[in-house]
N, C-alpha and C. Protein backbone atom coordinates (compact mmCIF):
# COMPACT_ATOMS: atom_id res chain seq x y z
N UNK A 1 32.85 31.49 -13.04
CA UNK A 1 32.63 30.76 -14.40
C UNK A 1 32.73 32.03 -15.04
N UNK A 2 33.23 32.65 -16.11
CA UNK A 2 33.05 33.70 -16.96
C UNK A 2 32.74 32.83 -18.21
N UNK A 3 31.26 33.74 -18.79
CA UNK A 3 30.49 33.05 -20.18
C UNK A 3 31.69 34.04 -21.26
N UNK A 4 31.67 33.69 -22.10
CA UNK A 4 31.99 34.73 -23.30
C UNK A 4 31.01 34.31 -24.12
N UNK A 5 30.20 35.56 -24.84
CA UNK A 5 29.77 35.47 -25.99
C UNK A 5 29.78 36.11 -26.83
N UNK A 6 29.40 35.40 -27.95
CA UNK A 6 29.93 35.66 -29.64
C UNK A 6 29.46 36.98 -29.78
N UNK A 7 30.31 37.77 -30.47
CA UNK A 7 29.79 39.34 -31.03
C UNK A 7 28.51 39.37 -31.91
N UNK A 8 27.44 40.29 -31.58
CA UNK A 8 26.21 40.43 -32.44
C UNK A 8 26.72 40.37 -34.07
N UNK A 9 25.98 39.65 -34.85
CA UNK A 9 26.18 39.86 -36.12
C UNK A 9 25.08 40.37 -37.11
N UNK A 10 25.21 40.70 -38.06
CA UNK A 10 24.40 41.39 -38.68
C UNK A 10 24.53 40.40 -39.83
N UNK A 11 23.10 39.57 -40.71
CA UNK A 11 23.53 38.72 -42.00
C UNK A 11 22.89 39.64 -43.06
N UNK A 12 23.61 39.79 -43.96
CA UNK A 12 22.89 40.58 -45.32
C UNK A 12 23.15 39.15 -46.67
N UNK A 13 22.05 38.89 -47.34
CA UNK A 13 22.41 38.24 -49.01
C UNK A 13 22.81 39.39 -49.76
N UNK A 14 23.96 39.10 -50.34
CA UNK A 14 24.64 39.69 -50.69
C UNK A 14 24.39 39.74 -52.28
N UNK A 15 24.15 38.32 -52.89
CA UNK A 15 22.99 37.92 -53.97
C UNK A 15 22.38 36.54 -53.86
N UNK A 16 22.12 36.10 -54.78
CA UNK A 16 20.77 34.64 -54.75
C UNK A 16 22.00 33.80 -54.15
N UNK A 17 22.32 32.91 -52.77
CA UNK A 17 22.81 31.81 -52.60
C UNK A 17 23.88 32.49 -51.67
N UNK A 18 24.46 33.78 -51.42
CA UNK A 18 25.57 34.18 -50.63
C UNK A 18 25.17 35.33 -49.62
N UNK A 19 25.29 34.31 -48.72
CA UNK A 19 25.04 35.64 -46.99
C UNK A 19 26.34 35.89 -46.32
N UNK A 20 26.38 37.16 -45.89
CA UNK A 20 27.86 37.70 -45.39
C UNK A 20 27.49 38.03 -43.73
N UNK A 21 28.44 37.57 -43.28
CA UNK A 21 28.40 38.07 -41.55
C UNK A 21 29.52 38.98 -41.53
N UNK A 22 28.48 40.15 -40.99
CA UNK A 22 29.32 41.28 -40.29
C UNK A 22 28.92 41.48 -38.85
N UNK A 23 30.43 41.68 -38.15
CA UNK A 23 30.39 42.24 -36.74
C UNK A 23 29.90 43.91 -36.46
N UNK A 24 29.67 44.24 -35.49
CA UNK A 24 29.50 45.38 -35.10
C UNK A 24 30.00 46.44 -35.81
N UNK A 25 31.58 46.77 -36.03
CA UNK A 25 32.19 47.74 -36.20
C UNK A 25 32.14 46.87 -37.72
N UNK A 26 31.25 46.44 -38.93
CA UNK A 26 31.23 46.51 -39.97
C UNK A 26 32.49 45.19 -40.39
N UNK A 27 33.08 44.95 -39.88
CA UNK A 27 34.26 44.10 -40.87
C UNK A 27 33.19 42.66 -40.77
N UNK A 28 33.92 42.01 -42.21
CA UNK A 28 33.00 40.52 -42.14
C UNK A 28 33.86 39.62 -41.69
N UNK A 29 33.24 38.80 -41.10
CA UNK A 29 33.61 37.47 -40.44
C UNK A 29 33.24 36.53 -40.71
N UNK A 30 32.80 36.08 -41.95
CA UNK A 30 32.23 34.80 -42.70
C UNK A 30 30.60 35.29 -43.65
N UNK A 31 30.96 34.12 -44.24
CA UNK A 31 29.84 33.39 -45.00
C UNK A 31 29.31 32.08 -45.38
N UNK A 32 28.43 32.31 -46.06
CA UNK A 32 27.52 31.19 -45.77
C UNK A 32 27.21 31.27 -47.83
N UNK A 33 27.65 29.85 -47.89
CA UNK A 33 27.48 29.83 -49.94
C UNK A 33 25.80 28.72 -50.16
N UNK A 34 25.04 28.82 -50.68
CA UNK A 34 24.45 27.76 -50.86
C UNK A 34 24.50 26.79 -52.25
N UNK A 35 24.77 25.49 -51.77
CA UNK A 35 24.83 24.93 -52.85
C UNK A 35 23.78 23.86 -53.29
N UNK A 36 23.18 24.16 -54.11
CA UNK A 36 21.53 23.90 -54.53
C UNK A 36 21.21 22.05 -53.51
N UNK A 37 21.75 21.36 -54.26
CA UNK A 37 21.37 19.84 -53.37
C UNK A 37 22.27 19.24 -52.28
N UNK A 38 23.38 20.38 -52.30
CA UNK A 38 24.38 19.63 -51.43
C UNK A 38 24.12 20.71 -49.65
N UNK A 39 23.54 21.57 -49.58
CA UNK A 39 23.28 22.02 -48.64
C UNK A 39 24.13 23.62 -48.50
N UNK A 40 24.65 24.09 -47.30
CA UNK A 40 24.92 25.56 -46.99
C UNK A 40 26.31 25.69 -46.26
N UNK A 41 27.06 26.02 -46.95
CA UNK A 41 28.69 25.79 -46.75
C UNK A 41 29.05 27.38 -46.35
N UNK A 42 29.83 27.02 -44.70
CA UNK A 42 30.02 27.70 -44.22
C UNK A 42 31.59 28.38 -44.46
N UNK A 43 32.03 29.46 -44.56
CA UNK A 43 33.67 30.15 -44.26
C UNK A 43 33.73 30.85 -43.47
N UNK A 44 34.66 30.54 -42.55
CA UNK A 44 34.93 31.54 -41.35
C UNK A 44 36.11 32.88 -41.94
N UNK A 45 36.18 33.88 -41.17
CA UNK A 45 37.16 35.27 -42.07
C UNK A 45 38.24 34.55 -42.31
N UNK A 46 39.21 33.66 -41.70
CA UNK A 46 40.28 33.08 -42.23
C UNK A 46 40.01 32.51 -43.63
N UNK A 47 39.39 31.74 -44.13
CA UNK A 47 39.55 30.94 -44.83
C UNK A 47 38.97 30.09 -44.31
N UNK A 48 38.59 29.39 -43.21
CA UNK A 48 38.67 28.12 -42.60
C UNK A 48 37.19 27.20 -42.72
N UNK A 49 37.13 26.12 -43.18
CA UNK A 49 36.14 25.87 -43.73
C UNK A 49 35.10 25.06 -42.60
N UNK A 50 33.73 25.45 -42.10
CA UNK A 50 33.34 25.14 -41.15
C UNK A 50 32.14 24.38 -41.31
N UNK A 51 32.18 23.53 -42.24
CA UNK A 51 31.23 22.57 -42.68
C UNK A 51 29.95 22.96 -43.67
N UNK A 52 29.27 21.90 -44.29
CA UNK A 52 28.17 22.07 -44.41
C UNK A 52 26.78 21.44 -44.01
N UNK A 53 25.97 22.26 -43.67
CA UNK A 53 24.78 22.38 -42.96
C UNK A 53 23.17 22.31 -43.71
N UNK A 54 22.53 21.69 -43.18
CA UNK A 54 21.11 21.49 -44.40
C UNK A 54 20.25 22.91 -44.09
N UNK A 55 20.28 23.63 -43.60
CA UNK A 55 19.57 24.61 -43.75
C UNK A 55 20.37 25.60 -43.31
N UNK A 56 19.92 27.24 -43.85
CA UNK A 56 20.59 28.42 -43.48
C UNK A 56 20.78 28.71 -42.25
N UNK A 57 19.70 28.25 -41.36
CA UNK A 57 19.49 28.70 -39.57
C UNK A 57 21.02 27.72 -39.13
N UNK A 58 20.92 26.43 -39.44
CA UNK A 58 22.25 25.74 -39.04
C UNK A 58 23.43 25.98 -39.40
N UNK A 59 23.44 26.70 -40.41
CA UNK A 59 24.81 27.46 -40.88
C UNK A 59 25.48 28.14 -40.77
N UNK A 60 24.16 29.38 -40.50
CA UNK A 60 24.72 30.29 -39.48
C UNK A 60 25.13 30.41 -37.98
N UNK A 61 24.27 29.76 -37.63
CA UNK A 61 24.82 28.96 -35.81
C UNK A 61 26.06 28.38 -35.85
N UNK A 62 26.69 27.63 -36.83
CA UNK A 62 27.88 26.96 -37.01
C UNK A 62 28.90 28.25 -36.85
N UNK A 63 28.59 28.92 -37.47
CA UNK A 63 29.92 30.29 -37.91
C UNK A 63 29.94 31.01 -36.51
N UNK A 64 28.53 31.60 -36.29
CA UNK A 64 28.11 32.31 -34.94
C UNK A 64 29.26 31.73 -33.46
N UNK A 65 28.73 30.31 -33.63
CA UNK A 65 29.73 29.56 -32.15
C UNK A 65 31.10 29.41 -32.75
N UNK A 66 31.73 29.80 -34.28
CA UNK A 66 32.66 29.27 -33.85
C UNK A 66 33.68 30.96 -34.00
N UNK A 67 33.02 31.65 -33.64
CA UNK A 67 33.58 32.98 -33.61
C UNK A 67 34.08 33.43 -31.38
């Protein structure tokens, strides 16, 4: 069985409530946006909605799992 690993990502907070993930080649791969009462919304690089999550860690993990 071959295991596929997600590429290493770097997370940067660009402004209050907005985190951008970049791949090793500095290419953006997605964002997480904080929606105060509603949680953290994840958007993939193609604009795909990856859901709303209760914590930043859960949101970042959702993006990483989608790669």
